[in-house]
Amino acid sequence: MSTNSTTEPDDETVVQAASDAAEDVIFSRYKQSAVRDYDVTVTFEEGVLEVDVYLNVPGSQRDESDPGPERVADDAALAARAAVDDLFGE
């Protein structure tokens, strides 16, 4: 008798992985002291992942190579989704 050793991650694990990935992107692009405010909201219900990232970085805290907080927030949301994909892909 064989058992299926493949189990899907629980909702809390999914949400935590997505949140961690988004925060990693934010703080890989900006020093923590440069970020005035941020919010990462992740929900995972009935197999549907929703990620919303808000980022407030004053212009004086950014250098010229900075793609802007909107782009970083988008990248953070994409990283969150990719982290969840990796959880289910293993």
PDB file of N, CA and C in Angstrom:
ATOM      1  N   MET A   1       0.841  -1.170   0.000  1.00  0.00           N
ATOM      2  CA  MET A   1       0.000   0.000   0.000  1.00  0.00           C
ATOM      3  C   MET A   1       0.890   1.238   0.000  1.00  0.00           C
ATOM      4  N   SER A   2       0.708   2.093  -0.962  1.00  0.00           N
ATOM      5  CA  SER A   2       1.528   3.296  -1.021  1.00  0.00           C
ATOM      6  C   SER A   2       0.690   4.492  -0.577  1.00  0.00           C
ATOM      7  N   THR A   3       1.377   5.451  -0.021  1.00  0.00           N
ATOM      8  CA  THR A   3       0.689   6.674   0.392  1.00  0.00           C
ATOM      9  C   THR A   3       1.215   7.820  -0.442  1.00  0.00           C
ATOM     10  N   ASN A   4       0.392   8.776  -0.654  1.00  0.00           N
ATOM     11  CA  ASN A   4       0.782   9.947  -1.413  1.00  0.00           C
ATOM     12  C   ASN A   4       1.506  10.893  -0.475  1.00  0.00           C
ATOM     13  N   SER A   5       2.817  11.080  -0.709  1.00  0.00           N
ATOM     14  CA  SER A   5       3.604  11.929   0.174  1.00  0.00           C
ATOM     15  C   SER A   5       3.578  13.395  -0.261  1.00  0.00           C
ATOM     16  N   THR A   6       2.896  13.666  -1.350  1.00  0.00           N
ATOM     17  CA  THR A   6       2.795  15.038  -1.826  1.00  0.00           C
ATOM     18  C   THR A   6       1.601  15.708  -1.163  1.00  0.00           C
ATOM     19  N   THR A   7       1.900  16.700  -0.361  1.00  0.00           N
ATOM     20  CA  THR A   7       0.828  17.453   0.278  1.00  0.00           C
ATOM     21  C   THR A   7       0.964  18.913  -0.129  1.00  0.00           C
ATOM     22  N   GLU A   8      -0.157  19.544  -0.297  1.00  0.00           N
ATOM     23  CA  GLU A   8      -0.142  20.957  -0.647  1.00  0.00           C
ATOM     24  C   GLU A   8       0.065  21.778   0.617  1.00  0.00           C
ATOM     25  N   PRO A   9       0.740  22.918   0.484  1.00  0.00           N
ATOM     26  CA  PRO A   9       0.942  23.772   1.650  1.00  0.00           C
ATOM     27  C   PRO A   9      -0.381  24.347   2.145  1.00  0.00           C
ATOM     28  N   ASP A  10      -0.441  24.580   3.457  1.00  0.00           N
ATOM     29  CA  ASP A  10      -1.668  25.166   3.994  1.00  0.00           C
ATOM     30  C   ASP A  10      -1.713  26.666   3.683  1.00  0.00           C
ATOM     31  N   ASP A  11      -2.868  27.257   3.885  1.00  0.00           N
ATOM     32  CA  ASP A  11      -3.080  28.663   3.535  1.00  0.00           C
ATOM     33  C   ASP A  11      -2.091  29.588   4.245  1.00  0.00           C
ATOM     34  N   GLU A  12      -1.824  29.312   5.505  1.00  0.00           N
ATOM     35  CA  GLU A  12      -0.908  30.163   6.264  1.00  0.00           C
ATOM     36  C   GLU A  12       0.499  30.129   5.677  1.00  0.00           C
ATOM     37  N   THR A  13       0.947  28.962   5.260  1.00  0.00           N
ATOM     38  CA  THR A  13       2.266  28.820   4.644  1.00  0.00           C
ATOM     39  C   THR A  13       2.334  29.593   3.331  1.00  0.00           C
ATOM     40  N   VAL A  14       1.278  29.519   2.549  1.00  0.00           N
ATOM     41  CA  VAL A  14       1.213  30.232   1.272  1.00  0.00           C
ATOM     42  C   VAL A  14       1.291  31.735   1.503  1.00  0.00           C
ATOM     43  N   VAL A  15       0.492  32.237   2.421  1.00  0.00           N
ATOM     44  CA  VAL A  15       0.457  33.671   2.708  1.00  0.00           C
ATOM     45  C   VAL A  15       1.819  34.143   3.225  1.00  0.00           C
ATOM     46  N   GLN A  16       2.425  33.377   4.109  1.00  0.00           N
ATOM     47  CA  GLN A  16       3.722  33.770   4.673  1.00  0.00           C
ATOM     48  C   GLN A  16       4.806  33.788   3.611  1.00  0.00           C
ATOM     49  N   ALA A  17       4.832  32.781   2.744  1.00  0.00           N
ATOM     50  CA  ALA A  17       5.834  32.730   1.676  1.00  0.00           C
ATOM     51  C   ALA A  17       5.685  33.917   0.730  1.00  0.00           C
ATOM     52  N   ALA A  18       4.460  34.244   0.381  1.00  0.00           N
ATOM     53  CA  ALA A  18       4.209  35.370  -0.514  1.00  0.00           C
ATOM     54  C   ALA A  18       4.619  36.692   0.149  1.00  0.00           C
ATOM     55  N   SER A  19       4.253  36.870   1.397  1.00  0.00           N
ATOM     56  CA  SER A  19       4.599  38.096   2.121  1.00  0.00           C
ATOM     57  C   SER A  19       6.110  38.254   2.243  1.00  0.00           C
ATOM     58  N   ASP A  20       6.789  37.179   2.606  1.00  0.00           N
ATOM     59  CA  ASP A  20       8.245  37.224   2.755  1.00  0.00           C
ATOM     60  C   ASP A  20       8.924  37.580   1.441  1.00  0.00           C
ATOM     61  N   ALA A  21       8.471  36.983   0.348  1.00  0.00           N
ATOM     62  CA  ALA A  21       9.073  37.256  -0.958  1.00  0.00           C
ATOM     63  C   ALA A  21       8.884  38.715  -1.355  1.00  0.00           C
ATOM     64  N   ALA A  22       7.694  39.249  -1.114  1.00  0.00           N
ATOM     65  CA  ALA A  22       7.433  40.651  -1.452  1.00  0.00           C
ATOM     66  C   ALA A  22       8.317  41.587  -0.627  1.00  0.00           C
ATOM     67  N   GLU A  23       8.418  41.329   0.663  1.00  0.00           N
ATOM     68  CA  GLU A  23       9.256  42.169   1.515  1.00  0.00           C
ATOM     69  C   GLU A  23      10.722  42.065   1.127  1.00  0.00           C
ATOM     70  N   ASP A  24      11.165  40.877   0.745  1.00  0.00           N
ATOM     71  CA  ASP A  24      12.552  40.704   0.297  1.00  0.00           C
ATOM     72  C   ASP A  24      12.857  41.602  -0.898  1.00  0.00           C
ATOM     73  N   VAL A  25      11.929  41.684  -1.837  1.00  0.00           N
ATOM     74  CA  VAL A  25      12.135  42.545  -3.004  1.00  0.00           C
ATOM     75  C   VAL A  25      12.194  44.008  -2.589  1.00  0.00           C
ATOM     76  N   ILE A  26      11.268  44.424  -1.765  1.00  0.00           N
ATOM     77  CA  ILE A  26      11.231  45.828  -1.330  1.00  0.00           C
ATOM     78  C   ILE A  26      12.554  46.222  -0.678  1.00  0.00           C
ATOM     79  N   PHE A  27      13.015  45.391   0.256  1.00  0.00           N
ATOM     80  CA  PHE A  27      14.198  45.772   1.019  1.00  0.00           C
ATOM     81  C   PHE A  27      15.508  45.365   0.348  1.00  0.00           C
ATOM     82  N   SER A  28      15.416  44.730  -0.802  1.00  0.00           N
ATOM     83  CA  SER A  28      16.620  44.551  -1.610  1.00  0.00           C
ATOM     84  C   SER A  28      16.825  45.776  -2.502  1.00  0.00           C
ATOM     85  N   ARG A  29      15.768  46.537  -2.710  1.00  0.00           N
ATOM     86  CA  ARG A  29      15.844  47.726  -3.568  1.00  0.00           C
ATOM     87  C   ARG A  29      16.012  49.016  -2.771  1.00  0.00           C
ATOM     88  N   TYR A  30      15.494  49.033  -1.541  1.00  0.00           N
ATOM     89  CA  TYR A  30      15.551  50.239  -0.720  1.00  0.00           C
ATOM     90  C   TYR A  30      16.075  49.907   0.667  1.00  0.00           C
ATOM     91  N   LYS A  31      16.824  50.857   1.243  1.00  0.00           N
ATOM     92  CA  LYS A  31      17.180  50.735   2.648  1.00  0.00           C
ATOM     93  C   LYS A  31      15.895  50.869   3.460  1.00  0.00           C
ATOM     94  N   GLN A  32      15.848  50.183   4.564  1.00  0.00           N
ATOM     95  CA  GLN A  32      14.650  50.254   5.395  1.00  0.00           C
ATOM     96  C   GLN A  32      14.366  51.693   5.817  1.00  0.00           C
ATOM     97  N   SER A  33      15.398  52.468   6.068  1.00  0.00           N
ATOM     98  CA  SER A  33      15.204  53.860   6.494  1.00  0.00           C
ATOM     99  C   SER A  33      14.634  54.740   5.382  1.00  0.00           C
ATOM    100  N   ALA A  34      14.752  54.300   4.119  1.00  0.00           N
ATOM    101  CA  ALA A  34      14.234  55.078   2.992  1.00  0.00           C
ATOM    102  C   ALA A  34      12.736  54.868   2.785  1.00  0.00           C
ATOM    103  N   VAL A  35      12.219  53.774   3.329  1.00  0.00           N
ATOM    104  CA  VAL A  35      10.806  53.440   3.133  1.00  0.00           C
ATOM    105  C   VAL A  35       9.977  54.114   4.224  1.00  0.00           C
ATOM    106  N   ARG A  36       9.156  55.060   3.792  1.00  0.00           N
ATOM    107  CA  ARG A  36       8.313  55.758   4.768  1.00  0.00           C
ATOM    108  C   ARG A  36       7.192  54.844   5.254  1.00  0.00           C
ATOM    109  N   ASP A  37       6.591  54.099   4.317  1.00  0.00           N
ATOM    110  CA  ASP A  37       5.484  53.215   4.668  1.00  0.00           C
ATOM    111  C   ASP A  37       5.364  52.146   3.590  1.00  0.00           C
ATOM    112  N   TYR A  38       4.936  50.972   3.982  1.00  0.00           N
ATOM    113  CA  TYR A  38       4.632  49.924   3.015  1.00  0.00           C
ATOM    114  C   TYR A  38       3.589  48.992   3.621  1.00  0.00           C
ATOM    115  N   ASP A  39       2.886  48.326   2.724  1.00  0.00           N
ATOM    116  CA  ASP A  39       1.894  47.345   3.156  1.00  0.00           C
ATOM    117  C   ASP A  39       1.849  46.233   2.123  1.00  0.00           C
ATOM    118  N   VAL A  40       1.968  45.021   2.590  1.00  0.00           N
ATOM    119  CA  VAL A  40       1.832  43.846   1.736  1.00  0.00           C
ATOM    120  C   VAL A  40       0.613  43.081   2.243  1.00  0.00           C
ATOM    121  N   THR A  41      -0.407  43.000   1.414  1.00  0.00           N
ATOM    122  CA  THR A  41      -1.622  42.278   1.774  1.00  0.00           C
ATOM    123  C   THR A  41      -1.734  41.054   0.886  1.00  0.00           C
ATOM    124  N   VAL A  42      -1.794  39.902   1.517  1.00  0.00           N
ATOM    125  CA  VAL A  42      -1.883  38.640   0.781  1.00  0.00           C
ATOM    126  C   VAL A  42      -3.071  37.856   1.310  1.00  0.00           C
ATOM    127  N   THR A  43      -3.908  37.387   0.394  1.00  0.00           N
ATOM    128  CA  THR A  43      -4.982  36.472   0.764  1.00  0.00           C
ATOM    129  C   THR A  43      -4.892  35.250  -0.140  1.00  0.00           C
ATOM    130  N   PHE A  44      -5.235  34.129   0.424  1.00  0.00           N
ATOM    131  CA  PHE A  44      -5.258  32.881  -0.323  1.00  0.00           C
ATOM    132  C   PHE A  44      -6.477  32.107   0.152  1.00  0.00           C
ATOM    133  N   GLU A  45      -7.512  32.150  -0.668  1.00  0.00           N
ATOM    134  CA  GLU A  45      -8.757  31.486  -0.314  1.00  0.00           C
ATOM    135  C   GLU A  45      -9.254  30.676  -1.496  1.00  0.00           C
ATOM    136  N   GLU A  46      -9.607  29.452  -1.234  1.00  0.00           N
ATOM    137  CA  GLU A  46     -10.146  28.553  -2.249  1.00  0.00           C
ATOM    138  C   GLU A  46      -9.246  28.471  -3.475  1.00  0.00           C
ATOM    139  N   GLY A  47      -7.933  28.454  -3.214  1.00  0.00           N
ATOM    140  CA  GLY A  47      -6.967  28.307  -4.296  1.00  0.00           C
ATOM    141  C   GLY A  47      -6.681  29.565  -5.082  1.00  0.00           C
ATOM    142  N   VAL A  48      -7.215  30.700  -4.643  1.00  0.00           N
ATOM    143  CA  VAL A  48      -7.016  31.961  -5.348  1.00  0.00           C
ATOM    144  C   VAL A  48      -6.104  32.859  -4.515  1.00  0.00           C
ATOM    145  N   LEU A  49      -4.999  33.278  -5.135  1.00  0.00           N
ATOM    146  CA  LEU A  49      -4.032  34.144  -4.478  1.00  0.00           C
ATOM    147  C   LEU A  49      -4.265  35.586  -4.907  1.00  0.00           C
ATOM    148  N   GLU A  50      -4.339  36.477  -3.933  1.00  0.00           N
ATOM    149  CA  GLU A  50      -4.416  37.904  -4.212  1.00  0.00           C
ATOM    150  C   GLU A  50      -3.286  38.594  -3.455  1.00  0.00           C
ATOM    151  N   VAL A  51      -2.552  39.418  -4.175  1.00  0.00           N
ATOM    152  CA  VAL A  51      -1.424  40.136  -3.584  1.00  0.00           C
ATOM    153  C   VAL A  51      -1.566  41.615  -3.923  1.00  0.00           C
ATOM    154  N   ASP A  52      -1.472  42.449  -2.901  1.00  0.00           N
ATOM    155  CA  ASP A  52      -1.511  43.897  -3.093  1.00  0.00           C
ATOM    156  C   ASP A  52      -0.334  44.485  -2.325  1.00  0.00           C
ATOM    157  N   VAL A  53       0.461  45.287  -3.021  1.00  0.00           N
ATOM    158  CA  VAL A  53       1.633  45.892  -2.392  1.00  0.00           C
ATOM    159  C   VAL A  53       1.539  47.405  -2.526  1.00  0.00           C
ATOM    160  N   TYR A  54       1.635  48.095  -1.401  1.00  0.00           N
ATOM    161  CA  TYR A  54       1.676  49.554  -1.359  1.00  0.00           C
ATOM    162  C   TYR A  54       3.051  49.944  -0.841  1.00  0.00           C
ATOM    163  N   LEU A  55       3.661  50.931  -1.483  1.00  0.00           N
ATOM    164  CA  LEU A  55       5.006  51.340  -1.103  1.00  0.00           C
ATOM    165  C   LEU A  55       5.113  52.855  -1.194  1.00  0.00           C
ATOM    166  N   ASN A  56       5.577  53.483  -0.116  1.00  0.00           N
ATOM    167  CA  ASN A  56       5.763  54.928  -0.078  1.00  0.00           C
ATOM    168  C   ASN A  56       7.233  55.196   0.204  1.00  0.00           C
ATOM    169  N   VAL A  57       7.933  55.669  -0.839  1.00  0.00           N
ATOM    170  CA  VAL A  57       9.337  56.046  -0.712  1.00  0.00           C
ATOM    171  C   VAL A  57       9.461  57.470  -1.236  1.00  0.00           C
ATOM    172  N   PRO A  58       9.771  58.419  -0.353  1.00  0.00           N
ATOM    173  CA  PRO A  58       9.882  59.805  -0.799  1.00  0.00           C
ATOM    174  C   PRO A  58      10.940  59.959  -1.890  1.00  0.00           C
ATOM    175  N   GLY A  59      10.696  60.866  -2.819  1.00  0.00           N
ATOM    176  CA  GLY A  59      11.617  61.089  -3.928  1.00  0.00           C
ATOM    177  C   GLY A  59      13.019  61.428  -3.479  1.00  0.00           C
ATOM    178  N   SER A  60      13.157  62.104  -2.366  1.00  0.00           N
ATOM    179  CA  SER A  60      14.486  62.482  -1.873  1.00  0.00           C
ATOM    180  C   SER A  60      15.284  61.283  -1.381  1.00  0.00           C
ATOM    181  N   GLN A  61      14.620  60.144  -1.189  1.00  0.00           N
ATOM    182  CA  GLN A  61      15.288  58.941  -0.705  1.00  0.00           C
ATOM    183  C   GLN A  61      15.726  58.010  -1.840  1.00  0.00           C
ATOM    184  N   ARG A  62      15.441  58.419  -3.088  1.00  0.00           N
ATOM    185  CA  ARG A  62      15.730  57.554  -4.229  1.00  0.00           C
ATOM    186  C   ARG A  62      16.875  58.130  -5.039  1.00  0.00           C
ATOM    187  N   ASP A  63      17.643  57.225  -5.676  1.00  0.00           N
ATOM    188  CA  ASP A  63      18.679  57.715  -6.580  1.00  0.00           C
ATOM    189  C   ASP A  63      18.166  57.643  -8.017  1.00  0.00           C
ATOM    190  N   GLU A  64      18.958  58.137  -8.952  1.00  0.00           N
ATOM    191  CA  GLU A  64      18.496  58.242 -10.337  1.00  0.00           C
ATOM    192  C   GLU A  64      18.277  56.894 -11.014  1.00  0.00           C
ATOM    193  N   SER A  65      18.925  55.844 -10.541  1.00  0.00           N
ATOM    194  CA  SER A  65      18.743  54.519 -11.151  1.00  0.00           C
ATOM    195  C   SER A  65      17.506  53.799 -10.616  1.00  0.00           C
ATOM    196  N   ASP A  66      16.845  54.403  -9.641  1.00  0.00           N
ATOM    197  CA  ASP A  66      15.655  53.807  -9.034  1.00  0.00           C
ATOM    198  C   ASP A  66      14.505  53.767 -10.039  1.00  0.00           C
ATOM    199  N   PRO A  67      13.906  52.586 -10.241  1.00  0.00           N
ATOM    200  CA  PRO A  67      12.789  52.492 -11.186  1.00  0.00           C
ATOM    201  C   PRO A  67      11.489  53.093 -10.644  1.00  0.00           C
ATOM    202  N   GLY A  68      11.472  53.479  -9.398  1.00  0.00           N
ATOM    203  CA  GLY A  68      10.283  54.069  -8.796  1.00  0.00           C
ATOM    204  C   GLY A  68       9.525  53.073  -7.950  1.00  0.00           C
ATOM    205  N   PRO A  69       8.838  53.569  -6.929  1.00  0.00           N
ATOM    206  CA  PRO A  69       8.139  52.676  -6.000  1.00  0.00           C
ATOM    207  C   PRO A  69       7.020  51.873  -6.655  1.00  0.00           C
ATOM    208  N   GLU A  70       6.385  52.422  -7.687  1.00  0.00           N
ATOM    209  CA  GLU A  70       5.315  51.666  -8.351  1.00  0.00           C
ATOM    210  C   GLU A  70       5.882  50.401  -8.987  1.00  0.00           C
ATOM    211  N   ARG A  71       7.017  50.543  -9.650  1.00  0.00           N
ATOM    212  CA  ARG A  71       7.651  49.388 -10.299  1.00  0.00           C
ATOM    213  C   ARG A  71       8.128  48.371  -9.260  1.00  0.00           C
ATOM    214  N   VAL A  72       8.707  48.868  -8.177  1.00  0.00           N
ATOM    215  CA  VAL A  72       9.177  47.973  -7.118  1.00  0.00           C
ATOM    216  C   VAL A  72       7.998  47.243  -6.489  1.00  0.00           C
ATOM    217  N   ALA A  73       6.886  47.932  -6.287  1.00  0.00           N
ATOM    218  CA  ALA A  73       5.691  47.286  -5.734  1.00  0.00           C
ATOM    219  C   ALA A  73       5.191  46.197  -6.692  1.00  0.00           C
ATOM    220  N   ASP A  74       5.187  46.484  -7.987  1.00  0.00           N
ATOM    221  CA  ASP A  74       4.789  45.474  -8.973  1.00  0.00           C
ATOM    222  C   ASP A  74       5.734  44.275  -8.948  1.00  0.00           C
ATOM    223  N   ASP A  75       7.038  44.555  -8.877  1.00  0.00           N
ATOM    224  CA  ASP A  75       8.022  43.466  -8.813  1.00  0.00           C
ATOM    225  C   ASP A  75       7.841  42.635  -7.549  1.00  0.00           C
ATOM    226  N   ALA A  76       7.515  43.296  -6.449  1.00  0.00           N
ATOM    227  CA  ALA A  76       7.300  42.588  -5.181  1.00  0.00           C
ATOM    228  C   ALA A  76       6.087  41.666  -5.286  1.00  0.00           C
ATOM    229  N   ALA A  77       5.022  42.152  -5.918  1.00  0.00           N
ATOM    230  CA  ALA A  77       3.828  41.319  -6.100  1.00  0.00           C
ATOM    231  C   ALA A  77       4.134  40.122  -7.008  1.00  0.00           C
ATOM    232  N   LEU A  78       4.910  40.342  -8.051  1.00  0.00           N
ATOM    233  CA  LEU A  78       5.302  39.230  -8.936  1.00  0.00           C
ATOM    234  C   LEU A  78       6.159  38.209  -8.193  1.00  0.00           C
ATOM    235  N   ALA A  79       7.058  38.686  -7.354  1.00  0.00           N
ATOM    236  CA  ALA A  79       7.892  37.775  -6.567  1.00  0.00           C
ATOM    237  C   ALA A  79       7.042  36.957  -5.597  1.00  0.00           C
ATOM    238  N   ALA A  80       6.022  37.589  -5.035  1.00  0.00           N
ATOM    239  CA  ALA A  80       5.121  36.881  -4.128  1.00  0.00           C
ATOM    240  C   ALA A  80       4.412  35.744  -4.865  1.00  0.00           C
ATOM    241  N   ARG A  81       3.921  36.034  -6.054  1.00  0.00           N
ATOM    242  CA  ARG A  81       3.240  35.002  -6.850  1.00  0.00           C
ATOM    243  C   ARG A  81       4.203  33.883  -7.231  1.00  0.00           C
ATOM    244  N   ALA A  82       5.431  34.250  -7.597  1.00  0.00           N
ATOM    245  CA  ALA A  82       6.422  33.245  -7.973  1.00  0.00           C
ATOM    246  C   ALA A  82       6.775  32.339  -6.775  1.00  0.00           C
ATOM    247  N   ALA A  83       6.846  32.921  -5.593  1.00  0.00           N
ATOM    248  CA  ALA A  83       7.141  32.121  -4.398  1.00  0.00           C
ATOM    249  C   ALA A  83       6.044  31.103  -4.146  1.00  0.00           C
ATOM    250  N   VAL A  84       4.806  31.501  -4.369  1.00  0.00           N
ATOM    251  CA  VAL A  84       3.686  30.573  -4.187  1.00  0.00           C
ATOM    252  C   VAL A  84       3.697  29.501  -5.271  1.00  0.00           C
ATOM    253  N   ASP A  85       4.004  29.889  -6.485  1.00  0.00           N
ATOM    254  CA  ASP A  85       4.135  28.900  -7.559  1.00  0.00           C
ATOM    255  C   ASP A  85       5.186  27.854  -7.208  1.00  0.00           C
ATOM    256  N   ASP A  86       6.303  28.316  -6.625  1.00  0.00           N
ATOM    257  CA  ASP A  86       7.348  27.385  -6.221  1.00  0.00           C
ATOM    258  C   ASP A  86       6.868  26.419  -5.141  1.00  0.00           C
ATOM    259  N   LEU A  87       6.036  26.916  -4.220  1.00  0.00           N
ATOM    260  CA  LEU A  87       5.495  26.028  -3.178  1.00  0.00           C
ATOM    261  C   LEU A  87       4.687  24.892  -3.780  1.00  0.00           C
ATOM    262  N   PHE A  88       3.905  25.211  -4.779  1.00  0.00           N
ATOM    263  CA  PHE A  88       3.033  24.204  -5.383  1.00  0.00           C
ATOM    264  C   PHE A  88       3.748  23.386  -6.454  1.00  0.00           C
ATOM    265  N   GLY A  89       4.887  23.899  -6.931  1.00  0.00           N
ATOM    266  CA  GLY A  89       5.625  23.197  -7.970  1.00  0.00           C
ATOM    267  C   GLY A  89       6.524  22.102  -7.446  1.00  0.00           C
ATOM    268  N   GLU A  90       6.785  22.097  -6.164  1.00  0.00           N
ATOM    269  CA  GLU A  90       7.687  21.101  -5.581  1.00  0.00           C
ATOM    270  C   GLU A  90       6.979  19.795  -5.332  1.00  0.00           C
TER     271      GLU A  90
END
